[in-house]
């Protein structure tokens, strides 16, 4: 007689980067997973374009958060190898900003030391090049010298990555030194493709798209568990699960309310914009960060390169990436922050073309103050946008993980994509999953890129955003 315990059943609510990553990781164990997603595909939330391998975009966060982001980014690269755009990031401080470049250096040296130790512990952790190249500083004289080099589409050295930058940026507007750091690009479309290809081929995973979860109730009989109710094609269904993982993104609070699990959080509506700059088809670009004070007209400017002269732009002002009244918090009546109607309309119905074009143009102008010729760039498609959840009451939090209760209810509230695999590993430990059932399926980079291009087209974006840079 077979006395084996029945397989654990896990419900994952939400197929964004957190839910998809957790499903991928847990599917390697001997469990049954049903992933519930309102939409029709995976990983379709707020814009992701950057792997925060050290958190150098954020001057305001702690060294501890930066260290966490570095180690989580290594985990992410090892788990999603086909999603990277392998190019460094430049951190520059404008003369108009009150920050000083020297203030960045102690943290960079600390991160370099930690990265070196992680490689020493396991050489597979060397995913951002050698630790000695983790960052490099450049003076104005260095950049003037580099500006005389011919453009290259095949950078071989760290200096090669600065050629296009040195030729185009107004060097008089920056404080020195500037920093080149190995924070890479992350393709949201290739992450979506990896998740979709992997999970649709796992026999112990059911992807339940186009449904609405409307009940999450603790079952007090039969050894507990949870009853999850949902509506699909106007039919109501109920299923029993041992564990519920709430990874519903900015709607996490709605599921918390259903499960009677109150928690404080913020939700912030944000957008990034797509432009094309015709005269830069020659020469590879790094990502560029011009630091600035968040929420002011001189907020941080972010310039993320893609193939064929496409760029994704952020400007941390209320006229560009941030929005007036775009930050909402939960209250004692509900764990779900209430976004103003205009943002829900954008999320559910899309953008007014006039506002889309105006905001993209403002993003172009924001970058053109440092790179005058970028004023010739043109809006090139709809924004990448969504609402980002921030658990707790610290709006500067960037390295977030899971929270859970002893009755089998988990929340995976991540702020950055790189935190997802760490969440998955912690859940596996907490529910005592020990023996791996099988290894995850591996797809070729060509498979992933092809699927990612299809997803980009389906979602109305240029295919270049899905392509390897």
Protein backbone atom coordinates (compact mmCIF):
# COMPACT_ATOMS: atom_id res chain seq x y z
CA UNK A 1 0.00 0.00 0.00
CA UNK A 2 1.35 3.43 -1.00
CA UNK A 3 1.65 5.56 2.14
CA UNK A 4 3.19 8.58 0.45
CA UNK A 5 1.73 11.94 1.41
CA UNK A 6 -0.40 13.60 -1.31
CA UNK A 7 1.50 16.28 -3.21
CA UNK A 8 1.23 19.78 -1.81
CA UNK A 9 -1.03 22.08 -3.82
CA UNK A 10 0.10 25.68 -4.19
CA UNK A 11 -1.97 28.57 -5.53
CA UNK A 12 0.00 31.52 -6.90
CA UNK A 13 -2.15 34.59 -7.46
CA UNK A 14 -0.61 36.89 -10.04
CA UNK A 15 1.68 36.06 -12.97
CA UNK A 16 3.99 39.06 -12.84
CA UNK A 17 7.72 38.73 -12.33
CA UNK A 18 7.29 37.62 -8.70
CA UNK A 19 4.56 35.02 -9.34
CA UNK A 20 6.20 33.68 -12.50
CA UNK A 21 9.65 33.38 -10.91
CA UNK A 22 8.24 31.65 -7.84
CA UNK A 23 6.25 29.24 -10.04
CA UNK A 24 9.38 28.45 -12.09
CA UNK A 25 11.47 27.79 -8.99
CA UNK A 26 8.87 25.75 -7.09
CA UNK A 27 7.97 23.71 -10.19
CA UNK A 28 11.33 21.96 -9.80
CA UNK A 29 9.91 20.28 -6.66
CA UNK A 30 7.33 17.56 -6.27
CA UNK A 31 4.33 19.90 -5.88
CA UNK A 32 1.31 20.92 -7.94
CA UNK A 33 1.02 24.60 -8.81
CA UNK A 34 -1.86 26.57 -10.25
CA UNK A 35 -0.96 30.11 -11.27
CA UNK A 36 -3.92 32.51 -11.50
CA UNK A 37 -3.42 35.50 -13.79
CA UNK A 38 -6.06 38.08 -14.75
CA UNK A 39 -4.41 38.83 -18.09
CA UNK A 40 -3.58 36.59 -21.03
CA UNK A 41 0.22 36.39 -20.65
CA UNK A 42 2.89 36.47 -17.96
CA UNK A 43 5.10 39.35 -16.71
CA UNK A 44 3.07 42.28 -17.99
CA UNK A 45 3.40 44.87 -15.23
CA UNK A 46 5.42 48.00 -14.43
CA UNK A 47 8.45 48.75 -16.61
CA UNK A 48 11.59 46.69 -15.98
CA UNK A 49 14.78 47.64 -17.82
CA UNK A 50 17.62 47.56 -15.31
CA UNK A 51 19.32 44.96 -13.14
CA UNK A 52 20.18 46.74 -9.91
CA UNK A 53 23.47 44.95 -9.26
CA UNK A 54 24.38 47.19 -6.35
CA UNK A 55 21.60 49.80 -6.27
CA UNK A 56 23.80 52.62 -7.57
CA UNK A 57 20.81 54.42 -9.07
CA UNK A 58 19.58 55.19 -5.55
CA UNK A 59 21.71 57.46 -3.41
CA UNK A 60 19.07 57.50 -0.67
CA UNK A 61 18.99 53.78 0.20
CA UNK A 62 21.17 52.02 2.78
CA UNK A 63 24.37 50.08 2.06
CA UNK A 64 22.52 47.01 3.35
CA UNK A 65 19.81 47.35 0.68
CA UNK A 66 22.52 47.84 -1.99
CA UNK A 67 24.32 44.69 -0.84
CA UNK A 68 21.04 42.75 -0.96
CA UNK A 69 20.32 44.02 -4.50
CA UNK A 70 23.80 42.89 -5.62
CA UNK A 71 23.43 39.32 -4.31
CA UNK A 72 19.82 39.07 -5.58
CA UNK A 73 20.93 40.28 -9.02
CA UNK A 74 23.51 37.48 -9.18
CA UNK A 75 20.73 34.96 -8.38
CA UNK A 76 18.55 36.50 -11.10
CA UNK A 77 21.26 36.28 -13.77
CA UNK A 78 21.94 32.65 -12.93
CA UNK A 79 18.23 31.86 -13.17
CA UNK A 80 17.34 34.04 -16.19
CA UNK A 81 20.54 33.94 -18.28
CA UNK A 82 18.84 34.95 -21.53
CA UNK A 83 17.27 38.15 -20.20
CA UNK A 84 20.40 40.29 -19.86
CA UNK A 85 21.57 43.13 -22.02
CA UNK A 86 25.24 43.03 -21.12
CA UNK A 87 26.30 46.63 -20.99
CA UNK A 88 27.45 48.82 -18.11
CA UNK A 89 25.81 51.89 -16.60
CA UNK A 90 27.30 55.37 -16.27
CA UNK A 91 26.50 57.29 -13.08
CA UNK A 92 26.98 61.04 -13.60
CA UNK A 93 26.22 63.94 -11.26
CA UNK A 94 25.20 67.20 -12.99
CA UNK A 95 26.80 70.45 -11.84
CA UNK A 96 23.31 71.69 -10.86
CA UNK A 97 22.86 68.77 -8.40
CA UNK A 98 23.86 69.17 -4.75
CA UNK A 99 25.43 65.68 -4.57
CA UNK A 100 29.16 65.04 -4.84
CA UNK A 101 30.77 62.22 -6.84
CA UNK A 102 33.16 61.40 -3.98
CA UNK A 103 30.16 60.39 -1.87
CA UNK A 104 29.47 57.47 -4.26
CA UNK A 105 32.92 55.91 -3.93
CA UNK A 106 32.82 54.29 -0.45
CA UNK A 107 29.70 52.35 -1.40
CA UNK A 108 31.16 51.28 -4.76
CA UNK A 109 34.32 50.03 -3.03
CA UNK A 110 32.20 48.12 -0.50
CA UNK A 111 30.13 46.50 -3.28
CA UNK A 112 33.27 45.60 -5.21
CA UNK A 113 34.68 43.90 -2.11
CA UNK A 114 31.43 41.98 -1.52
CA UNK A 115 31.25 40.95 -5.19
CA UNK A 116 34.85 39.74 -4.98
CA UNK A 117 34.02 37.65 -1.89
CA UNK A 118 30.93 36.14 -3.58
CA UNK A 119 33.11 35.08 -6.54
CA UNK A 120 35.67 33.64 -4.12
CA UNK A 121 32.88 31.58 -2.50
CA UNK A 122 31.55 30.36 -5.85
CA UNK A 123 33.12 31.25 -9.20
CA UNK A 124 29.68 30.90 -10.88
CA UNK A 125 28.80 34.19 -9.18
CA UNK A 126 31.08 36.05 -11.59
CA UNK A 127 28.23 37.22 -13.81
CA UNK A 128 29.18 40.90 -14.12
CA UNK A 129 32.77 40.37 -15.25
CA UNK A 130 35.76 40.27 -12.91
CA UNK A 131 35.41 42.08 -9.58
CA UNK A 132 38.35 44.32 -10.53
CA UNK A 133 36.18 45.74 -13.34
CA UNK A 134 33.02 46.20 -11.24
CA UNK A 135 33.47 49.97 -11.44
CA UNK A 136 35.87 52.49 -12.91
CA UNK A 137 36.03 56.26 -12.49
CA UNK A 138 36.76 58.81 -15.21
CA UNK A 139 37.93 62.42 -15.12
CA UNK A 140 36.92 65.12 -17.60
CA UNK A 141 40.35 64.75 -19.24
CA UNK A 142 39.75 61.00 -19.66
CA UNK A 143 36.43 61.65 -21.41
CA UNK A 144 37.94 64.25 -23.74
CA UNK A 145 40.58 61.70 -24.74
CA UNK A 146 37.94 58.97 -25.25
CA UNK A 147 35.79 61.36 -27.33
CA UNK A 148 38.51 61.29 -30.01
CA UNK A 149 38.16 57.51 -30.48
CA UNK A 150 36.08 56.22 -33.41
CA UNK A 151 32.62 54.85 -32.54
CA UNK A 152 32.42 51.09 -32.15
CA UNK A 153 29.57 48.58 -32.28
CA UNK A 154 31.77 46.00 -30.57
CA UNK A 155 33.16 47.42 -27.31
CA UNK A 156 36.15 45.42 -26.08
CA UNK A 157 37.23 47.51 -23.09
CA UNK A 158 35.48 49.55 -20.40
CA UNK A 159 36.71 52.73 -22.13
CA UNK A 160 35.03 51.68 -25.40
CA UNK A 161 31.63 51.91 -23.68
CA UNK A 162 32.20 55.62 -23.07
CA UNK A 163 32.91 56.65 -26.67
CA UNK A 164 29.33 57.53 -27.70
CA UNK A 165 28.70 59.14 -24.29
CA UNK A 166 31.88 61.26 -24.47
CA UNK A 167 31.02 62.49 -27.97
CA UNK A 168 27.41 63.44 -27.20
CA UNK A 169 27.21 64.61 -23.58
CA UNK A 170 27.98 68.22 -22.65
CA UNK A 171 30.97 67.45 -20.42
CA UNK A 172 30.86 70.93 -18.86
CA UNK A 173 27.55 70.06 -17.19
CA UNK A 174 28.97 67.26 -15.06
CA UNK A 175 30.88 66.92 -11.81
CA UNK A 176 33.87 64.58 -11.81
CA UNK A 177 34.72 61.82 -11.60
CA UNK A 178 31.89 60.00 -13.34
CA UNK A 179 31.52 56.26 -12.67
CA UNK A 180 31.11 53.29 -14.99
CA UNK A 181 29.54 50.37 -13.06
CA UNK A 182 28.53 46.86 -14.10
CA UNK A 183 24.79 47.23 -13.65
CA UNK A 184 23.29 45.57 -16.74
CA UNK A 185 20.06 45.88 -18.67
CA UNK A 186 17.18 43.48 -18.08
CA UNK A 187 14.64 42.74 -20.82
CA UNK A 188 11.09 42.54 -19.47
CA UNK A 189 9.98 40.85 -22.71
CA UNK A 190 12.68 38.17 -22.50
CA UNK A 191 11.78 37.60 -18.83
CA UNK A 192 8.15 37.15 -19.89
CA UNK A 193 9.22 34.80 -22.70
CA UNK A 194 11.42 32.71 -20.37
CA UNK A 195 8.56 32.38 -17.87
CA UNK A 196 5.99 31.53 -20.54
CA UNK A 197 8.18 28.94 -22.28
CA UNK A 198 9.22 27.30 -19.02
CA UNK A 199 5.88 27.18 -17.23
CA UNK A 200 3.83 26.06 -20.22
CA UNK A 201 6.15 23.05 -20.47
CA UNK A 202 6.07 21.98 -16.82
CA UNK A 203 3.69 19.06 -16.19
CA UNK A 204 3.05 20.10 -12.57
CA UNK A 205 2.06 23.70 -13.41
CA UNK A 206 -1.34 24.88 -14.63
CA UNK A 207 -1.48 28.41 -16.06
CA UNK A 208 -4.96 29.75 -15.44
CA UNK A 209 -5.29 32.95 -17.50
CA UNK A 210 -8.18 35.42 -17.84
CA UNK A 211 -9.72 34.77 -14.46
CA UNK A 212 -10.66 36.86 -11.45
CA UNK A 213 -9.95 35.59 -7.92
CA UNK A 214 -12.82 36.65 -5.65
CA UNK A 215 -12.48 34.48 -2.56
CA UNK A 216 -9.52 33.39 -0.38
CA UNK A 217 -10.85 31.67 2.75
CA UNK A 218 -9.07 29.63 5.41
CA UNK A 219 -10.54 26.15 5.69
CA UNK A 220 -10.70 25.33 9.40
CA UNK A 221 -11.53 21.66 8.84
CA UNK A 222 -9.61 18.76 7.27
CA UNK A 223 -6.15 19.90 8.41
CA UNK A 224 -6.69 23.46 7.29
CA UNK A 225 -5.64 24.70 3.90
CA UNK A 226 -7.30 27.39 1.82
CA UNK A 227 -10.36 27.56 -0.40
CA UNK A 228 -9.76 29.80 -3.38
CA UNK A 229 -12.76 30.95 -5.48
CA UNK A 230 -12.46 32.49 -8.92
CA UNK A 231 -14.56 33.45 -11.91
CA UNK A 232 -13.67 32.39 -15.44
CA UNK A 233 -15.89 32.82 -18.51
CA UNK A 234 -18.77 33.81 -16.19
CA UNK A 235 -18.48 30.54 -14.28
CA UNK A 236 -17.52 30.44 -10.58
CA UNK A 237 -15.06 27.77 -9.42
CA UNK A 238 -13.60 26.77 -6.04
CA UNK A 239 -10.44 24.81 -5.32
CA UNK A 240 -8.54 23.68 -2.22
CA UNK A 241 -4.88 24.49 -1.66
CA UNK A 242 -2.31 23.85 1.04
CA UNK A 243 -0.64 27.22 0.46
CA UNK A 244 -1.59 30.54 -1.11
CA UNK A 245 1.09 32.86 -2.49
CA UNK A 246 -0.21 36.37 -3.04
CA UNK A 247 1.94 37.88 -5.80
CA UNK A 248 -0.77 40.12 -7.25
CA UNK A 249 1.51 43.12 -7.76
CA UNK A 250 -0.22 46.43 -7.14
CA UNK A 251 -3.42 44.48 -6.38
CA UNK A 252 -1.79 42.55 -3.49
CA UNK A 253 -4.01 44.46 -1.03
CA UNK A 254 -7.19 43.23 -2.75
CA UNK A 255 -6.16 39.62 -2.08
CA UNK A 256 -5.10 40.57 1.47
CA UNK A 257 -8.62 41.95 2.06
CA UNK A 258 -10.20 38.75 0.73
CA UNK A 259 -7.97 36.65 3.02
CA UNK A 260 -8.50 39.00 5.98
CA UNK A 261 -4.76 39.68 6.22
CA UNK A 262 -4.33 43.44 6.72
CA UNK A 263 -0.97 45.02 5.87
CA UNK A 264 0.39 48.52 5.26
CA UNK A 265 1.74 49.40 1.83
CA UNK A 266 2.06 52.05 -0.85
CA UNK A 267 1.25 51.81 -4.54
CA UNK A 268 2.89 54.18 -7.01
CA UNK A 269 1.92 54.70 -10.63
CA UNK A 270 5.00 55.18 -12.85
CA UNK A 271 5.85 55.25 -16.54
CA UNK A 272 8.87 55.02 -18.84
CA UNK A 273 8.88 56.26 -22.44
CA UNK A 274 10.20 55.01 -25.76
CA UNK A 275 12.06 57.24 -28.21
CA UNK A 276 14.07 56.68 -31.39
CA UNK A 277 17.18 58.66 -32.22
CA UNK A 278 18.06 58.14 -35.87
CA UNK A 279 21.65 59.35 -35.84
CA UNK A 280 22.99 56.81 -33.36
CA UNK A 281 22.70 53.56 -35.27
CA UNK A 282 26.49 53.44 -35.10
CA UNK A 283 28.17 52.98 -31.76
CA UNK A 284 27.04 51.06 -28.70
CA UNK A 285 25.76 52.96 -25.71
CA UNK A 286 25.92 52.19 -22.02
CA UNK A 287 22.92 52.98 -19.85
CA UNK A 288 23.26 56.51 -18.46
CA UNK A 289 22.03 57.89 -15.13
CA UNK A 290 22.16 61.62 -14.49
CA UNK A 291 21.46 61.87 -10.77
CA UNK A 292 18.88 64.35 -9.52
CA UNK A 293 16.52 64.96 -6.66
CA UNK A 294 13.41 62.80 -7.00
CA UNK A 295 10.14 64.65 -7.57
CA UNK A 296 11.78 67.97 -8.48
CA UNK A 297 12.06 69.35 -12.04
CA UNK A 298 15.70 68.18 -11.94
CA UNK A 299 14.86 64.58 -10.98
CA UNK A 300 17.11 61.74 -12.09
CA UNK A 301 17.29 61.15 -15.86
CA UNK A 302 17.74 57.58 -17.12
CA UNK A 303 18.70 56.64 -20.67
CA UNK A 304 18.47 52.92 -21.54
CA UNK A 305 19.68 51.75 -24.98
CA UNK A 306 18.13 49.12 -27.28
CA UNK A 307 18.94 48.07 -30.87
CA UNK A 308 18.29 50.32 -33.92
CA UNK A 309 18.47 53.61 -32.02
CA UNK A 310 15.58 52.88 -29.63
CA UNK A 311 15.88 54.19 -26.08
CA UNK A 312 13.75 53.83 -22.97
CA UNK A 313 13.62 57.03 -20.91
CA UNK A 314 12.86 57.85 -17.29
CA UNK A 315 12.75 61.28 -15.72
CA UNK A 316 12.00 61.26 -12.01
CA UNK A 317 9.78 64.35 -12.16
CA UNK A 318 5.98 64.62 -11.88
CA UNK A 319 5.85 65.62 -15.54
CA UNK A 320 7.56 62.45 -16.80
CA UNK A 321 7.93 59.15 -14.86
CA UNK A 322 6.21 60.23 -11.65
CA UNK A 323 2.69 61.64 -11.44
CA UNK A 324 0.95 64.14 -9.20
CA UNK A 325 -1.17 62.08 -6.77
CA UNK A 326 0.47 58.94 -8.19
CA UNK A 327 1.44 57.62 -4.74
CA UNK A 328 -1.35 56.07 -2.64
CA UNK A 329 -1.25 54.30 0.71
CA UNK A 330 -3.42 51.67 2.39
CA UNK A 331 -5.64 52.61 5.32
CA UNK A 332 -7.29 50.94 8.33
CA UNK A 333 -10.32 50.02 6.18
CA UNK A 334 -8.41 48.25 3.40
CA UNK A 335 -4.96 46.83 2.68
CA UNK A 336 -5.39 48.01 -0.93
CA UNK A 337 -4.25 51.59 -1.68
CA UNK A 338 -6.77 53.44 -3.85
CA UNK A 339 -5.26 54.90 -7.00
CA UNK A 340 -7.04 57.90 -8.53
CA UNK A 341 -9.38 57.02 -11.44
CA UNK A 342 -7.09 58.51 -14.11
CA UNK A 343 -4.40 55.90 -13.33
CA UNK A 344 -6.78 52.96 -13.24
CA UNK A 345 -8.06 54.15 -16.62
CA UNK A 346 -4.51 54.13 -18.04
CA UNK A 347 -3.89 50.64 -16.64
CA UNK A 348 -7.19 49.21 -17.89
CA UNK A 349 -7.83 51.12 -21.12
CA UNK A 350 -4.50 52.59 -22.23
CA UNK A 351 -3.29 56.15 -22.75
CA UNK A 352 -4.73 59.18 -24.44
CA UNK A 353 -2.39 59.52 -27.49
CA UNK A 354 -1.98 63.27 -26.91
CA UNK A 355 -0.76 62.80 -23.28
CA UNK A 356 1.44 59.89 -24.37
CA UNK A 357 3.18 62.08 -26.97
CA UNK A 358 3.49 65.09 -24.63
CA UNK A 359 5.07 63.09 -21.82
CA UNK A 360 7.45 61.27 -24.18
CA UNK A 361 8.54 64.64 -25.57
CA UNK A 362 9.15 65.92 -22.02
CA UNK A 363 11.31 62.84 -21.38
CA UNK A 364 13.31 63.58 -24.54
CA UNK A 365 13.77 67.21 -23.46
CA UNK A 366 14.84 66.11 -19.98
CA UNK A 367 17.72 64.06 -21.46
CA UNK A 368 18.52 66.68 -24.10
CA UNK A 369 19.58 69.15 -21.41
CA UNK A 370 22.69 66.97 -21.00
CA UNK A 371 22.88 65.61 -24.56
CA UNK A 372 21.86 68.49 -26.86
CA UNK A 373 21.57 66.43 -30.05
CA UNK A 374 19.10 64.08 -28.37
CA UNK A 375 16.52 66.83 -28.91
CA UNK A 376 16.20 65.36 -32.43
CA UNK A 377 14.82 62.07 -31.02
CA UNK A 378 11.17 61.29 -31.72
CA UNK A 379 8.48 59.52 -29.65
CA UNK A 380 8.42 55.87 -30.78
CA UNK A 381 5.54 53.99 -29.23
CA UNK A 382 3.42 53.79 -26.14
CA UNK A 383 4.90 54.12 -22.64
CA UNK A 384 5.80 51.16 -20.46
CA UNK A 385 3.77 51.75 -17.34
CA UNK A 386 2.09 50.28 -14.30
CA UNK A 387 1.66 50.57 -10.55
CA UNK A 388 4.51 49.47 -8.31
CA UNK A 389 3.80 48.22 -4.80
CA UNK A 390 6.07 49.16 -1.89
CA UNK A 391 5.38 47.14 1.28
CA UNK A 392 5.39 48.82 4.69
CA UNK A 393 5.74 52.54 5.25
CA UNK A 394 9.19 53.37 3.83
CA UNK A 395 8.76 54.74 0.30
CA UNK A 396 12.52 54.50 -0.33
CA UNK A 397 12.45 50.68 0.13
CA UNK A 398 13.92 48.90 -2.90
CA UNK A 399 15.08 45.50 -1.59
CA UNK A 400 11.83 43.82 -0.47
CA UNK A 401 11.14 40.16 0.18
CA UNK A 402 8.29 37.95 1.35
CA UNK A 403 6.03 38.17 4.39
CA UNK A 404 4.01 35.22 5.63
CA UNK A 405 1.80 33.82 8.37
CA UNK A 406 2.01 30.37 9.92
CA UNK A 407 -1.27 29.28 8.32
CA UNK A 408 0.23 28.97 4.82
CA UNK A 409 -0.43 32.47 3.43
CA UNK A 410 2.51 34.20 1.74
CA UNK A 411 2.94 37.63 0.18
CA UNK A 412 5.66 38.15 -2.42
CA UNK A 413 5.78 41.94 -2.59
CA UNK A 414 8.89 42.77 -4.53
CA UNK A 415 9.91 46.26 -5.62
CA UNK A 416 12.71 45.18 -7.96
CA UNK A 417 12.67 42.18 -10.31
CA UNK A 418 15.92 40.86 -8.86
CA UNK A 419 14.20 40.04 -5.54
CA UNK A 420 11.91 37.38 -7.05
CA UNK A 421 14.20 34.32 -6.92
CA UNK A 422 15.22 35.12 -3.34
CA UNK A 423 11.48 35.09 -2.44
CA UNK A 424 11.04 31.72 -4.15
CA UNK A 425 13.95 30.15 -2.27
CA UNK A 426 12.64 31.40 1.06
CA UNK A 427 9.16 30.00 0.36
CA UNK A 428 10.66 26.60 -0.56
CA UNK A 429 12.48 26.54 2.80
CA UNK A 430 9.46 27.65 4.82
CA UNK A 431 7.18 24.96 3.41
CA UNK A 432 9.95 22.37 3.77
CA UNK A 433 10.42 21.42 0.13
CA UNK A 434 13.60 19.38 0.21
CA UNK A 435 14.11 17.10 -2.75
CA UNK A 436 14.19 18.62 -6.17
CA UNK A 437 11.84 16.89 -8.57
CA UNK A 438 13.66 17.92 -11.75
CA UNK A 439 15.75 20.68 -13.18
CA UNK A 440 14.17 23.62 -14.90
CA UNK A 441 13.87 23.43 -18.67
CA UNK A 442 16.52 25.38 -20.55
CA UNK A 443 15.73 27.16 -23.78
CA UNK A 444 18.16 28.67 -26.25
CA UNK A 445 18.65 32.40 -26.44
CA UNK A 446 17.10 32.25 -29.95
CA UNK A 447 13.94 30.57 -28.57
CA UNK A 448 13.61 33.22 -25.88
CA UNK A 449 14.27 36.18 -28.18
CA UNK A 450 11.77 34.92 -30.77
CA UNK A 451 9.03 34.47 -28.16
CA UNK A 452 9.90 37.86 -26.62
CA UNK A 453 9.49 39.59 -30.00
CA UNK A 454 6.01 38.03 -30.34
CA UNK A 455 5.05 39.31 -26.87
CA UNK A 456 6.39 42.81 -27.63
CA UNK A 457 4.30 42.94 -30.84
CA UNK A 458 1.19 41.63 -29.05
CA UNK A 459 1.56 44.34 -26.41
CA UNK A 460 2.09 47.08 -28.99
CA UNK A 461 5.80 47.80 -28.48
CA UNK A 462 8.74 47.94 -30.92
CA UNK A 463 10.34 44.48 -31.26
CA UNK A 464 13.72 46.11 -30.54
CA UNK A 465 12.76 46.25 -26.84
CA UNK A 466 12.77 42.44 -26.86
CA UNK A 467 16.02 42.01 -28.77
CA UNK A 468 19.50 41.41 -27.37
CA UNK A 469 21.58 44.57 -27.20
